[in-house]
């Protein structure tokens, strides 16, 4: 939770010209979801052995699902596409050139 608070402070202190203003709500939403996952995880740990455990688990898993559901719409989508591009590049390097010219 300390890490997400620090990330939020860094995001607030960032110069407005650094980054896209349209992306700022998604950045803050991502930080809020990270904080919610951390807080609900700690609450789950503290609530073990109590009757509220089932409710805390539902809240925590809902927050985790929401976090993973929103990841592709933020800056983290780049990681998936970059990995796919590197995999395709390595696969194409191993195959012979279809037009018979030299390779890399």
PDB file of N, CA and C in Angstrom:
ATOM      1  N   UNK A   1       0.818  -1.180   0.000  1.00  0.00           N
ATOM      2  CA  UNK A   1       0.000   0.000   0.000  1.00  0.00           C
ATOM      3  C   UNK A   1       0.867   1.252   0.000  1.00  0.00           C
ATOM      4  N   UNK A   2       2.032   1.150   0.578  1.00  0.00           N
ATOM      5  CA  UNK A   2       2.953   2.290   0.581  1.00  0.00           C
ATOM      6  C   UNK A   2       3.434   2.568  -0.843  1.00  0.00           C
ATOM      7  N   UNK A   3       3.675   1.505  -1.589  1.00  0.00           N
ATOM      8  CA  UNK A   3       4.119   1.661  -2.972  1.00  0.00           C
ATOM      9  C   UNK A   3       3.083   2.339  -3.844  1.00  0.00           C
ATOM     10  N   UNK A   4       1.817   1.970  -3.667  1.00  0.00           N
ATOM     11  CA  UNK A   4       0.777   2.610  -4.470  1.00  0.00           C
ATOM     12  C   UNK A   4       0.582   4.071  -4.066  1.00  0.00           C
ATOM     13  N   UNK A   5       0.758   4.376  -2.783  1.00  0.00           N
ATOM     14  CA  UNK A   5       0.670   5.774  -2.346  1.00  0.00           C
ATOM     15  C   UNK A   5       1.809   6.589  -2.961  1.00  0.00           C
ATOM     16  N   UNK A   6       3.002   6.021  -3.003  1.00  0.00           N
ATOM     17  CA  UNK A   6       4.128   6.699  -3.636  1.00  0.00           C
ATOM     18  C   UNK A   6       3.922   6.877  -5.127  1.00  0.00           C
ATOM     19  N   UNK A   7       3.353   5.867  -5.776  1.00  0.00           N
ATOM     20  CA  UNK A   7       3.064   5.964  -7.206  1.00  0.00           C
ATOM     21  C   UNK A   7       2.036   7.056  -7.476  1.00  0.00           C
ATOM     22  N   UNK A   8       1.035   7.159  -6.611  1.00  0.00           N
ATOM     23  CA  UNK A   8       0.022   8.201  -6.757  1.00  0.00           C
ATOM     24  C   UNK A   8       0.655   9.586  -6.585  1.00  0.00           C
ATOM     25  N   UNK A   9       1.552   9.722  -5.597  1.00  0.00           N
ATOM     26  CA  UNK A   9       2.211  11.013  -5.379  1.00  0.00           C
ATOM     27  C   UNK A   9       3.095  11.389  -6.569  1.00  0.00           C
ATOM     28  N   UNK A  10       3.805  10.422  -7.130  1.00  0.00           N
ATOM     29  CA  UNK A  10       4.628  10.700  -8.306  1.00  0.00           C
ATOM     30  C   UNK A  10       3.767  11.098  -9.499  1.00  0.00           C
ATOM     31  N   UNK A  11       2.629  10.447  -9.636  1.00  0.00           N
ATOM     32  CA  UNK A  11       1.732  10.775 -10.740  1.00  0.00           C
ATOM     33  C   UNK A  11       1.175  12.191 -10.580  1.00  0.00           C
ATOM     34  N   UNK A  12       0.862  12.582  -9.358  1.00  0.00           N
ATOM     35  CA  UNK A  12       0.332  13.927  -9.107  1.00  0.00           C
ATOM     36  C   UNK A  12       1.413  14.995  -9.306  1.00  0.00           C
ATOM     37  N   UNK A  13       2.675  14.662  -9.009  1.00  0.00           N
ATOM     38  CA  UNK A  13       3.764  15.634  -9.112  1.00  0.00           C
ATOM     39  C   UNK A  13       4.317  15.746 -10.530  1.00  0.00           C
ATOM     40  N   UNK A  14       3.886  14.877 -11.419  1.00  0.00           N
ATOM     41  CA  UNK A  14       4.394  14.874 -12.790  1.00  0.00           C
ATOM     42  C   UNK A  14       3.969  16.145 -13.525  1.00  0.00           C
ATOM     43  N   UNK A  15       4.860  16.653 -14.350  1.00  0.00           N
ATOM     44  CA  UNK A  15       4.567  17.846 -15.141  1.00  0.00           C
ATOM     45  C   UNK A  15       3.436  17.521 -16.120  1.00  0.00           C
ATOM     46  N   UNK A  16       2.490  18.443 -16.318  1.00  0.00           N
ATOM     47  CA  UNK A  16       1.348  18.159 -17.199  1.00  0.00           C
ATOM     48  C   UNK A  16       1.728  17.856 -18.644  1.00  0.00           C
ATOM     49  N   UNK A  17       2.864  18.357 -19.095  1.00  0.00           N
ATOM     50  CA  UNK A  17       3.266  18.097 -20.475  1.00  0.00           C
ATOM     51  C   UNK A  17       3.938  16.736 -20.652  1.00  0.00           C
ATOM     52  N   UNK A  18       4.259  16.068 -19.551  1.00  0.00           N
ATOM     53  CA  UNK A  18       4.839  14.723 -19.632  1.00  0.00           C
ATOM     54  C   UNK A  18       3.702  13.715 -19.649  1.00  0.00           C
ATOM     55  N   UNK A  19       3.462  13.131 -20.775  1.00  0.00           N
ATOM     56  CA  UNK A  19       2.392  12.151 -20.888  1.00  0.00           C
ATOM     57  C   UNK A  19       1.152  12.748 -21.530  1.00  0.00           C
ATOM     58  N   UNK A  20       0.214  11.878 -21.797  1.00  0.00           N
ATOM     59  CA  UNK A  20      -1.027  12.249 -22.457  1.00  0.00           C
ATOM     60  C   UNK A  20      -2.085  12.572 -21.406  1.00  0.00           C
ATOM     61  N   UNK A  21      -2.716  13.715 -21.540  1.00  0.00           N
ATOM     62  CA  UNK A  21      -3.740  14.116 -20.566  1.00  0.00           C
ATOM     63  C   UNK A  21      -4.948  13.191 -20.619  1.00  0.00           C
ATOM     64  N   UNK A  22      -5.221  12.615 -21.795  1.00  0.00           N
ATOM     65  CA  UNK A  22      -6.353  11.693 -21.914  1.00  0.00           C
ATOM     66  C   UNK A  22      -6.084  10.377 -21.196  1.00  0.00           C
ATOM     67  N   UNK A  23      -4.828  10.065 -20.946  1.00  0.00           N
ATOM     68  CA  UNK A  23      -4.451   8.815 -20.279  1.00  0.00           C
ATOM     69  C   UNK A  23      -4.495   8.939 -18.754  1.00  0.00           C
ATOM     70  N   UNK A  24      -4.535  10.156 -18.234  1.00  0.00           N
ATOM     71  CA  UNK A  24      -4.459  10.368 -16.787  1.00  0.00           C
ATOM     72  C   UNK A  24      -5.570   9.662 -16.000  1.00  0.00           C
ATOM     73  N   UNK A  25      -6.839   9.697 -16.439  1.00  0.00           N
ATOM     74  CA  UNK A  25      -7.857   8.955 -15.677  1.00  0.00           C
ATOM     75  C   UNK A  25      -7.578   7.456 -15.616  1.00  0.00           C
ATOM     76  N   UNK A  26      -7.056   6.900 -16.699  1.00  0.00           N
ATOM     77  CA  UNK A  26      -6.738   5.470 -16.689  1.00  0.00           C
ATOM     78  C   UNK A  26      -5.565   5.187 -15.757  1.00  0.00           C
ATOM     79  N   UNK A  27      -4.598   6.090 -15.714  1.00  0.00           N
ATOM     80  CA  UNK A  27      -3.471   5.929 -14.788  1.00  0.00           C
ATOM     81  C   UNK A  27      -3.942   5.953 -13.339  1.00  0.00           C
ATOM     82  N   UNK A  28      -4.799   6.916 -13.017  1.00  0.00           N
ATOM     83  CA  UNK A  28      -5.308   7.013 -11.648  1.00  0.00           C
ATOM     84  C   UNK A  28      -6.203   5.827 -11.304  1.00  0.00           C
ATOM     85  N   UNK A  29      -6.975   5.347 -12.274  1.00  0.00           N
ATOM     86  CA  UNK A  29      -7.799   4.159 -12.045  1.00  0.00           C
ATOM     87  C   UNK A  29      -6.955   2.931 -11.780  1.00  0.00           C
ATOM     88  N   UNK A  30      -5.853   2.807 -12.513  1.00  0.00           N
ATOM     89  CA  UNK A  30      -4.945   1.679 -12.304  1.00  0.00           C
ATOM     90  C   UNK A  30      -4.322   1.740 -10.911  1.00  0.00           C
ATOM     91  N   UNK A  31      -3.895   2.921 -10.497  1.00  0.00           N
ATOM     92  CA  UNK A  31      -3.301   3.073  -9.161  1.00  0.00           C
ATOM     93  C   UNK A  31      -4.342   2.771  -8.087  1.00  0.00           C
ATOM     94  N   UNK A  32      -5.580   3.233  -8.296  1.00  0.00           N
ATOM     95  CA  UNK A  32      -6.643   2.960  -7.323  1.00  0.00           C
ATOM     96  C   UNK A  32      -6.923   1.460  -7.230  1.00  0.00           C
ATOM     97  N   UNK A  33      -6.934   0.770  -8.366  1.00  0.00           N
ATOM     98  CA  UNK A  33      -7.158  -0.678  -8.338  1.00  0.00           C
ATOM     99  C   UNK A  33      -6.000  -1.407  -7.660  1.00  0.00           C
ATOM    100  N   UNK A  34      -4.772  -0.954  -7.905  1.00  0.00           N
ATOM    101  CA  UNK A  34      -3.632  -1.556  -7.211  1.00  0.00           C
ATOM    102  C   UNK A  34      -3.755  -1.377  -5.702  1.00  0.00           C
ATOM    103  N   UNK A  35      -4.161  -0.188  -5.287  1.00  0.00           N
ATOM    104  CA  UNK A  35      -4.344   0.078  -3.863  1.00  0.00           C
ATOM    105  C   UNK A  35      -5.456  -0.797  -3.294  1.00  0.00           C
ATOM    106  N   UNK A  36      -6.549  -0.941  -4.036  1.00  0.00           N
ATOM    107  CA  UNK A  36      -7.672  -1.760  -3.574  1.00  0.00           C
ATOM    108  C   UNK A  36      -7.275  -3.228  -3.450  1.00  0.00           C
ATOM    109  N   UNK A  37      -6.501  -3.724  -4.404  1.00  0.00           N
ATOM    110  CA  UNK A  37      -6.037  -5.116  -4.326  1.00  0.00           C
ATOM    111  C   UNK A  37      -5.130  -5.301  -3.113  1.00  0.00           C
ATOM    112  N   UNK A  38      -4.228  -4.354  -2.888  1.00  0.00           N
ATOM    113  CA  UNK A  38      -3.328  -4.460  -1.735  1.00  0.00           C
ATOM    114  C   UNK A  38      -4.099  -4.369  -0.422  1.00  0.00           C
ATOM    115  N   UNK A  39      -5.014  -3.416  -0.325  1.00  0.00           N
ATOM    116  CA  UNK A  39      -5.777  -3.237   0.913  1.00  0.00           C
ATOM    117  C   UNK A  39      -6.689  -4.426   1.182  1.00  0.00           C
ATOM    118  N   UNK A  40      -7.343  -4.935   0.136  1.00  0.00           N
ATOM    119  CA  UNK A  40      -8.231  -6.081   0.350  1.00  0.00           C
ATOM    120  C   UNK A  40      -7.433  -7.342   0.648  1.00  0.00           C
ATOM    121  N   UNK A  41      -6.231  -7.450   0.103  1.00  0.00           N
ATOM    122  CA  UNK A  41      -5.374  -8.591   0.438  1.00  0.00           C
ATOM    123  C   UNK A  41      -4.940  -8.563   1.890  1.00  0.00           C
ATOM    124  N   UNK A  42      -4.584  -7.385   2.374  1.00  0.00           N
ATOM    125  CA  UNK A  42      -4.234  -7.264   3.797  1.00  0.00           C
ATOM    126  C   UNK A  42      -5.444  -7.517   4.693  1.00  0.00           C
ATOM    127  N   UNK A  43      -6.612  -7.018   4.274  1.00  0.00           N
ATOM    128  CA  UNK A  43      -7.830  -7.266   5.052  1.00  0.00           C
ATOM    129  C   UNK A  43      -8.164  -8.754   5.066  1.00  0.00           C
ATOM    130  N   UNK A  44      -7.913  -9.422   3.958  1.00  0.00           N
ATOM    131  CA  UNK A  44      -8.146 -10.865   3.881  1.00  0.00           C
ATOM    132  C   UNK A  44      -7.228 -11.607   4.841  1.00  0.00           C
ATOM    133  N   UNK A  45      -5.983 -11.179   4.898  1.00  0.00           N
ATOM    134  CA  UNK A  45      -5.028 -11.810   5.813  1.00  0.00           C
ATOM    135  C   UNK A  45      -5.421 -11.551   7.269  1.00  0.00           C
ATOM    136  N   UNK A  46      -5.837 -10.323   7.556  1.00  0.00           N
ATOM    137  CA  UNK A  46      -6.239  -9.991   8.924  1.00  0.00           C
ATOM    138  C   UNK A  46      -7.555 -10.667   9.315  1.00  0.00           C
ATOM    139  N   UNK A  47      -8.414 -10.928   8.342  1.00  0.00           N
ATOM    140  CA  UNK A  47      -9.715 -11.509   8.633  1.00  0.00           C
ATOM    141  C   UNK A  47      -9.765 -13.017   8.594  1.00  0.00           C
ATOM    142  N   UNK A  48      -8.613 -13.664   8.492  1.00  0.00           N
ATOM    143  CA  UNK A  48      -8.615 -15.130   8.445  1.00  0.00           C
ATOM    144  C   UNK A  48      -9.144 -15.674   9.775  1.00  0.00           C
ATOM    145  N   UNK A  49      -9.939 -16.707   9.670  1.00  0.00           N
ATOM    146  CA  UNK A  49     -10.502 -17.308  10.871  1.00  0.00           C
ATOM    147  C   UNK A  49     -11.729 -16.593  11.406  1.00  0.00           C
ATOM    148  N   UNK A  50     -12.215 -15.589  10.695  1.00  0.00           N
ATOM    149  CA  UNK A  50     -13.419 -14.881  11.137  1.00  0.00           C
ATOM    150  C   UNK A  50     -14.564 -15.212  10.183  1.00  0.00           C
ATOM    151  N   UNK A  51     -15.784 -14.973  10.586  1.00  0.00           N
ATOM    152  CA  UNK A  51     -16.917 -15.236   9.689  1.00  0.00           C
ATOM    153  C   UNK A  51     -16.940 -14.325   8.455  1.00  0.00           C
ATOM    154  N   UNK A  52     -16.224 -13.227   8.491  1.00  0.00           N
ATOM    155  CA  UNK A  52     -16.204 -12.288   7.360  1.00  0.00           C
ATOM    156  C   UNK A  52     -15.242 -12.715   6.259  1.00  0.00           C
ATOM    157  N   UNK A  53     -14.586 -13.849   6.417  1.00  0.00           N
ATOM    158  CA  UNK A  53     -13.571 -14.274   5.450  1.00  0.00           C
ATOM    159  C   UNK A  53     -14.153 -14.450   4.049  1.00  0.00           C
ATOM    160  N   UNK A  54     -15.332 -15.037   3.939  1.00  0.00           N
ATOM    161  CA  UNK A  54     -15.936 -15.260   2.621  1.00  0.00           C
ATOM    162  C   UNK A  54     -16.220 -13.934   1.918  1.00  0.00           C
ATOM    163  N   UNK A  55     -16.742 -12.974   2.643  1.00  0.00           N
ATOM    164  CA  UNK A  55     -17.018 -11.662   2.055  1.00  0.00           C
ATOM    165  C   UNK A  55     -15.723 -10.963   1.647  1.00  0.00           C
ATOM    166  N   UNK A  56     -14.713 -11.025   2.491  1.00  0.00           N
ATOM    167  CA  UNK A  56     -13.423 -10.410   2.165  1.00  0.00           C
ATOM    168  C   UNK A  56     -12.790 -11.070   0.947  1.00  0.00           C
ATOM    169  N   UNK A  57     -12.922 -12.382   0.844  1.00  0.00           N
ATOM    170  CA  UNK A  57     -12.372 -13.092  -0.312  1.00  0.00           C
ATOM    171  C   UNK A  57     -13.084 -12.666  -1.588  1.00  0.00           C
ATOM    172  N   UNK A  58     -14.404 -12.532  -1.536  1.00  0.00           N
ATOM    173  CA  UNK A  58     -15.155 -12.073  -2.711  1.00  0.00           C
ATOM    174  C   UNK A  58     -14.724 -10.672  -3.129  1.00  0.00           C
ATOM    175  N   UNK A  59     -14.564  -9.791  -2.170  1.00  0.00           N
ATOM    176  CA  UNK A  59     -14.125  -8.427  -2.478  1.00  0.00           C
ATOM    177  C   UNK A  59     -12.719  -8.418  -3.079  1.00  0.00           C
ATOM    178  N   UNK A  60     -11.824  -9.200  -2.510  1.00  0.00           N
ATOM    179  CA  UNK A  60     -10.448  -9.244  -3.007  1.00  0.00           C
ATOM    180  C   UNK A  60     -10.392  -9.826  -4.421  1.00  0.00           C
ATOM    181  N   UNK A  61     -11.075 -10.941  -4.633  1.00  0.00           N
ATOM    182  CA  UNK A  61     -11.048 -11.551  -5.965  1.00  0.00           C
ATOM    183  C   UNK A  61     -11.727 -10.662  -7.003  1.00  0.00           C
ATOM    184  N   UNK A  62     -12.765  -9.942  -6.600  1.00  0.00           N
ATOM    185  CA  UNK A  62     -13.389  -8.982  -7.511  1.00  0.00           C
ATOM    186  C   UNK A  62     -12.431  -7.868  -7.896  1.00  0.00           C
ATOM    187  N   UNK A  63     -11.655  -7.398  -6.938  1.00  0.00           N
ATOM    188  CA  UNK A  63     -10.668  -6.352  -7.231  1.00  0.00           C
ATOM    189  C   UNK A  63      -9.566  -6.878  -8.148  1.00  0.00           C
ATOM    190  N   UNK A  64      -9.137  -8.113  -7.923  1.00  0.00           N
ATOM    191  CA  UNK A  64      -8.095  -8.704  -8.777  1.00  0.00           C
ATOM    192  C   UNK A  64      -8.617  -8.884 -10.199  1.00  0.00           C
ATOM    193  N   UNK A  65      -9.845  -9.370 -10.340  1.00  0.00           N
ATOM    194  CA  UNK A  65     -10.430  -9.543 -11.676  1.00  0.00           C
ATOM    195  C   UNK A  65     -10.567  -8.192 -12.372  1.00  0.00           C
ATOM    196  N   UNK A  66     -10.998  -7.170 -11.639  1.00  0.00           N
ATOM    197  CA  UNK A  66     -11.113  -5.832 -12.230  1.00  0.00           C
ATOM    198  C   UNK A  66      -9.749  -5.316 -12.672  1.00  0.00           C
ATOM    199  N   UNK A  67      -8.725  -5.572 -11.890  1.00  0.00           N
ATOM    200  CA  UNK A  67      -7.373  -5.142 -12.260  1.00  0.00           C
ATOM    201  C   UNK A  67      -6.928  -5.816 -13.554  1.00  0.00           C
ATOM    202  N   UNK A  68      -7.097  -7.130 -13.638  1.00  0.00           N
ATOM    203  CA  UNK A  68      -6.678  -7.837 -14.845  1.00  0.00           C
ATOM    204  C   UNK A  68      -7.560  -7.494 -16.040  1.00  0.00           C
ATOM    205  N   UNK A  69      -8.824  -7.175 -15.808  1.00  0.00           N
ATOM    206  CA  UNK A  69      -9.710  -6.817 -16.918  1.00  0.00           C
ATOM    207  C   UNK A  69      -9.355  -5.458 -17.512  1.00  0.00           C
ATOM    208  N   UNK A  70      -8.816  -4.556 -16.707  1.00  0.00           N
ATOM    209  CA  UNK A  70      -8.482  -3.223 -17.215  1.00  0.00           C
ATOM    210  C   UNK A  70      -7.052  -3.116 -17.730  1.00  0.00           C
ATOM    211  N   UNK A  71      -6.209  -4.101 -17.488  1.00  0.00           N
ATOM    212  CA  UNK A  71      -4.809  -4.019 -17.935  1.00  0.00           C
ATOM    213  C   UNK A  71      -4.665  -3.814 -19.444  1.00  0.00           C
ATOM    214  N   UNK A  72      -5.429  -4.506 -20.290  1.00  0.00           N
ATOM    215  CA  UNK A  72      -5.218  -4.313 -21.732  1.00  0.00           C
ATOM    216  C   UNK A  72      -5.570  -2.925 -22.245  1.00  0.00           C
ATOM    217  N   UNK A  73      -6.304  -2.142 -21.478  1.00  0.00           N
ATOM    218  CA  UNK A  73      -6.726  -0.829 -21.945  1.00  0.00           C
ATOM    219  C   UNK A  73      -5.788   0.285 -21.505  1.00  0.00           C
ATOM    220  N   UNK A  74      -4.764  -0.034 -20.767  1.00  0.00           N
ATOM    221  CA  UNK A  74      -3.809   0.959 -20.302  1.00  0.00           C
ATOM    222  C   UNK A  74      -2.489   0.822 -21.034  1.00  0.00           C
ATOM    223  N   UNK A  75      -1.443   1.261 -20.372  1.00  0.00           N
ATOM    224  CA  UNK A  75      -0.108   1.219 -20.962  1.00  0.00           C
ATOM    225  C   UNK A  75       0.464  -0.190 -21.020  1.00  0.00           C
ATOM    226  N   UNK A  76      -0.110  -1.115 -20.271  1.00  0.00           N
ATOM    227  CA  UNK A  76       0.439  -2.459 -20.213  1.00  0.00           C
ATOM    228  C   UNK A  76       0.094  -3.294 -21.435  1.00  0.00           C
ATOM    229  N   UNK A  77      -0.777  -2.810 -22.300  1.00  0.00           N
ATOM    230  CA  UNK A  77      -1.078  -3.526 -23.537  1.00  0.00           C
ATOM    231  C   UNK A  77       0.170  -3.596 -24.412  1.00  0.00           C
ATOM    232  N   UNK A  78       1.041  -2.609 -24.291  1.00  0.00           N
ATOM    233  CA  UNK A  78       2.260  -2.584 -25.091  1.00  0.00           C
ATOM    234  C   UNK A  78       3.116  -3.821 -24.832  1.00  0.00           C
ATOM    235  N   UNK A  79       3.149  -4.298 -23.613  1.00  0.00           N
ATOM    236  CA  UNK A  79       3.959  -5.471 -23.281  1.00  0.00           C
ATOM    237  C   UNK A  79       3.533  -6.708 -24.041  1.00  0.00           C
ATOM    238  N   UNK A  80       2.239  -6.913 -24.191  1.00  0.00           N
ATOM    239  CA  UNK A  80       1.731  -8.075 -24.927  1.00  0.00           C
ATOM    240  C   UNK A  80       2.097  -7.962 -26.398  1.00  0.00           C
ATOM    241  N   UNK A  81       1.871  -6.787 -26.997  1.00  0.00           N
ATOM    242  CA  UNK A  81       2.162  -6.612 -28.416  1.00  0.00           C
ATOM    243  C   UNK A  81       3.660  -6.671 -28.695  1.00  0.00           C
ATOM    244  N   UNK A  82       4.468  -6.155 -27.800  1.00  0.00           N
ATOM    245  CA  UNK A  82       5.920  -6.193 -27.987  1.00  0.00           C
ATOM    246  C   UNK A  82       6.434  -7.626 -27.922  1.00  0.00           C
ATOM    247  N   UNK A  83       5.920  -8.405 -26.979  1.00  0.00           N
ATOM    248  CA  UNK A  83       6.319  -9.808 -26.872  1.00  0.00           C
ATOM    249  C   UNK A  83       5.922 -10.577 -28.124  1.00  0.00           C
ATOM    250  N   UNK A  84       4.722 -10.335 -28.633  1.00  0.00           N
ATOM    251  CA  UNK A  84       4.273 -11.013 -29.855  1.00  0.00           C
ATOM    252  C   UNK A  84       5.145 -10.620 -31.047  1.00  0.00           C
ATOM    253  N   UNK A  85       5.529  -9.352 -31.136  1.00  0.00           N
ATOM    254  CA  UNK A  85       6.374  -8.904 -32.241  1.00  0.00           C
ATOM    255  C   UNK A  85       7.763  -9.532 -32.169  1.00  0.00           C
ATOM    256  N   UNK A  86       8.331  -9.644 -30.967  1.00  0.00           N
ATOM    257  CA  UNK A  86       9.643 -10.281 -30.820  1.00  0.00           C
ATOM    258  C   UNK A  86       9.582 -11.761 -31.171  1.00  0.00           C
ATOM    259  N   UNK A  87       8.515 -12.429 -30.772  1.00  0.00           N
ATOM    260  CA  UNK A  87       8.353 -13.841 -31.106  1.00  0.00           C
ATOM    261  C   UNK A  87       8.235 -14.031 -32.610  1.00  0.00           C
ATOM    262  N   UNK A  88       7.453 -13.181 -33.259  1.00  0.00           N
ATOM    263  CA  UNK A  88       7.300 -13.281 -34.712  1.00  0.00           C
ATOM    264  C   UNK A  88       8.625 -12.995 -35.419  1.00  0.00           C
ATOM    265  N   UNK A  89       9.353 -12.002 -34.950  1.00  0.00           N
ATOM    266  CA  UNK A  89      10.641 -11.665 -35.562  1.00  0.00           C
ATOM    267  C   UNK A  89      11.617 -12.839 -35.461  1.00  0.00           C
ATOM    268  N   UNK A  90      11.698 -13.468 -34.289  1.00  0.00           N
ATOM    269  CA  UNK A  90      12.604 -14.605 -34.126  1.00  0.00           C
ATOM    270  C   UNK A  90      12.182 -15.787 -34.978  1.00  0.00           C
ATOM    271  N   UNK A  91      10.887 -15.996 -35.137  1.00  0.00           N
ATOM    272  CA  UNK A  91      10.398 -17.088 -35.981  1.00  0.00           C
ATOM    273  C   UNK A  91      10.737 -16.823 -37.441  1.00  0.00           C
ATOM    274  N   UNK A  92      10.557 -15.599 -37.893  1.00  0.00           N
ATOM    275  CA  UNK A  92      10.843 -15.258 -39.283  1.00  0.00           C
ATOM    276  C   UNK A  92      12.334 -15.293 -39.582  1.00  0.00           C
ATOM    277  N   UNK A  93      13.179 -15.018 -38.590  1.00  0.00           N
ATOM    278  CA  UNK A  93      14.626 -15.074 -38.808  1.00  0.00           C
ATOM    279  C   UNK A  93      15.092 -16.493 -39.091  1.00  0.00           C
ATOM    280  N   UNK A  94      14.433 -17.484 -38.524  1.00  0.00           N
ATOM    281  CA  UNK A  94      14.842 -18.877 -38.706  1.00  0.00           C
ATOM    282  C   UNK A  94      14.417 -19.446 -40.053  1.00  0.00           C
ATOM    283  N   UNK A  95      13.384 -18.881 -40.662  1.00  0.00           N
ATOM    284  CA  UNK A  95      12.886 -19.387 -41.938  1.00  0.00           C
ATOM    285  C   UNK A  95      13.694 -18.779 -43.083  1.00  0.00           C
ATOM    286  N   UNK A  96      13.872 -19.537 -44.165  1.00  0.00           N
ATOM    287  CA  UNK A  96      14.584 -18.968 -45.318  1.00  0.00           C
ATOM    288  C   UNK A  96      13.738 -17.882 -45.985  1.00  0.00           C
ATOM    289  N   UNK A  97      14.425 -16.957 -46.633  1.00  0.00           N
ATOM    290  CA  UNK A  97      13.742 -15.858 -47.300  1.00  0.00           C
ATOM    291  C   UNK A  97      12.922 -16.402 -48.469  1.00  0.00           C
ATOM    292  N   UNK A  98      11.642 -16.044 -48.585  1.00  0.00           N
ATOM    293  CA  UNK A  98      10.820 -16.583 -49.670  1.00  0.00           C
ATOM    294  C   UNK A  98      11.223 -16.053 -51.044  1.00  0.00           C
ATOM    295  N   UNK A  99      11.938 -14.946 -51.111  1.00  0.00           N
ATOM    296  CA  UNK A  99      12.345 -14.412 -52.413  1.00  0.00           C
ATOM    297  C   UNK A  99      13.816 -14.691 -52.703  1.00  0.00           C
ATOM    298  N   UNK A 100      14.469 -15.426 -51.826  1.00  0.00           N
ATOM    299  CA  UNK A 100      15.828 -15.869 -52.081  1.00  0.00           C
ATOM    300  C   UNK A 100      16.912 -14.844 -51.825  1.00  0.00           C
ATOM    301  N   UNK A 101      16.605 -13.744 -51.194  1.00  0.00           N
ATOM    302  CA  UNK A 101      17.625 -12.749 -50.886  1.00  0.00           C
ATOM    303  C   UNK A 101      18.283 -13.078 -49.560  1.00  0.00           C
ATOM    304  N   UNK A 102      19.368 -12.399 -49.247  1.00  0.00           N
ATOM    305  CA  UNK A 102      20.090 -12.628 -48.000  1.00  0.00           C
ATOM    306  C   UNK A 102      19.247 -12.280 -46.783  1.00  0.00           C
ATOM    307  N   UNK A 103      19.592 -12.906 -45.683  1.00  0.00           N
ATOM    308  CA  UNK A 103      18.859 -12.658 -44.438  1.00  0.00           C
ATOM    309  C   UNK A 103      19.621 -11.645 -43.590  1.00  0.00           C
ATOM    310  N   UNK A 104      19.156 -11.450 -42.341  1.00  0.00           N
ATOM    311  CA  UNK A 104      19.802 -10.513 -41.415  1.00  0.00           C
ATOM    312  C   UNK A 104      21.202 -10.900 -41.246  1.00  0.00           C
TER     313      UNK A 104
END
